[in-house]
Protein backbone atom coordinates (compact mmCIF):
# COMPACT_ATOMS: atom_id res chain seq x y z
CA UNK A 1 58.02 47.64 75.97
CA UNK A 2 58.08 49.22 72.53
CA UNK A 3 55.09 51.45 71.79
CA UNK A 4 53.43 50.60 68.49
CA UNK A 5 50.49 53.02 68.53
CA UNK A 6 50.55 56.30 66.64
CA UNK A 7 51.89 59.54 68.15
CA UNK A 8 49.41 62.28 69.09
CA UNK A 9 51.70 65.07 67.91
CA UNK A 10 55.24 65.76 66.70
CA UNK A 11 57.63 68.46 67.90
CA UNK A 12 60.85 69.62 66.29
CA UNK A 13 63.43 71.26 68.51
CA UNK A 14 66.90 72.79 68.30
CA UNK A 15 69.46 74.14 70.74
CA UNK A 16 71.48 76.81 68.99
CA UNK A 17 73.40 80.06 69.28
CA UNK A 18 75.03 82.46 66.87
CA UNK A 19 78.78 82.72 66.80
CA UNK A 20 79.17 85.68 64.45
CA UNK A 21 76.97 88.30 62.83
CA UNK A 22 73.38 88.76 63.96
CA UNK A 23 70.65 87.24 61.87
CA UNK A 24 67.75 84.84 61.68
CA UNK A 25 67.24 81.18 60.92
CA UNK A 26 64.25 78.98 60.20
CA UNK A 27 63.42 75.33 60.57
CA UNK A 28 62.36 72.94 57.84
CA UNK A 29 60.19 69.90 58.50
CA UNK A 30 59.88 67.49 55.57
CA UNK A 31 57.06 64.99 55.52
CA UNK A 32 56.26 62.98 52.43
CA UNK A 33 57.50 65.18 49.56
CA UNK A 34 56.53 68.51 51.13
CA UNK A 35 58.72 70.95 53.06
CA UNK A 36 57.08 72.92 55.86
CA UNK A 37 58.64 75.90 57.59
CA UNK A 38 61.48 77.97 56.30
CA UNK A 39 59.43 81.14 56.68
CA UNK A 40 59.06 81.48 60.45
CA UNK A 41 62.34 83.17 61.23
CA UNK A 42 63.85 82.87 64.70
CA UNK A 43 66.34 85.43 65.93
CA UNK A 44 69.71 83.84 66.66
CA UNK A 45 71.18 84.98 69.98
CA UNK A 46 74.72 84.75 71.37
CA UNK A 47 73.64 82.32 74.11
CA UNK A 48 72.23 78.83 73.64
CA UNK A 49 68.44 78.79 73.38
CA UNK A 50 65.90 76.12 72.68
CA UNK A 51 63.51 76.71 69.79
CA UNK A 52 60.74 74.44 68.64
CA UNK A 53 57.23 73.93 67.34
CA UNK A 54 54.52 71.32 67.89
CA UNK A 55 52.46 69.89 65.02
CA UNK A 56 49.19 68.20 65.97
CA UNK A 57 48.74 66.93 62.41
CA UNK A 58 51.05 66.18 59.50
CA UNK A 59 51.47 69.50 57.67
CA UNK A 60 51.80 67.73 54.31
CA UNK A 61 48.24 66.37 54.33
CA UNK A 62 46.61 67.67 57.56
CA UNK A 63 46.08 64.04 58.57
CA UNK A 64 46.85 62.34 61.84
CA UNK A 65 50.43 61.31 62.54
CA UNK A 66 51.27 57.66 62.05
CA UNK A 67 54.38 55.73 62.98
CA UNK A 68 55.19 55.36 59.27
CA UNK A 69 54.93 59.12 58.70
CA UNK A 70 57.10 59.82 61.72
CA UNK A 71 59.74 57.32 60.60
CA UNK A 72 60.15 59.14 57.27
CA UNK A 73 60.01 62.74 58.56
CA UNK A 74 63.15 64.88 58.30
CA UNK A 75 63.98 68.05 60.23
CA UNK A 76 66.62 70.68 59.52
CA UNK A 77 67.73 74.29 59.94
CA UNK A 78 67.62 76.87 57.17
CA UNK A 79 70.15 79.67 57.62
CA UNK A 80 69.01 83.12 56.49
CA UNK A 81 72.47 83.62 55.00
CA UNK A 82 74.21 86.05 57.35
CA UNK A 83 74.26 84.34 60.71
CA UNK A 84 76.95 81.88 61.78
CA UNK A 85 74.94 79.35 63.73
CA UNK A 86 76.13 76.61 66.07
CA UNK A 87 73.52 73.90 66.58
CA UNK A 88 74.28 71.42 69.35
CA UNK A 89 71.09 69.42 69.11
CA UNK A 90 68.42 69.02 66.47
CA UNK A 91 65.55 66.74 67.39
CA UNK A 92 62.20 65.41 66.29
CA UNK A 93 60.06 64.12 69.14
CA UNK A 94 56.87 62.14 69.12
CA UNK A 95 54.40 63.28 71.79
CA UNK A 96 52.10 60.82 73.52
CA UNK A 97 49.72 60.76 76.50
């Protein structure tokens, strides 16, 4: 059946590789009206790699995740400006026990 309880945590993830110059990229997680991330740079490699981060609480308010919060959360990639990045999958997962 469909789960209606709240998630315990949220994880963003991306599969990506660089196709040109070396460089870094960051993720951006937007909950409510606040952007989180964009400062934790990941090195882009020339082979596909999975990157990601788990949030136990909503970074916008440090509160527990709810289904409503999860439904309105956005995730994206912020290019540092020099890397040509190919992203094959960008995901936001809800984690449950």
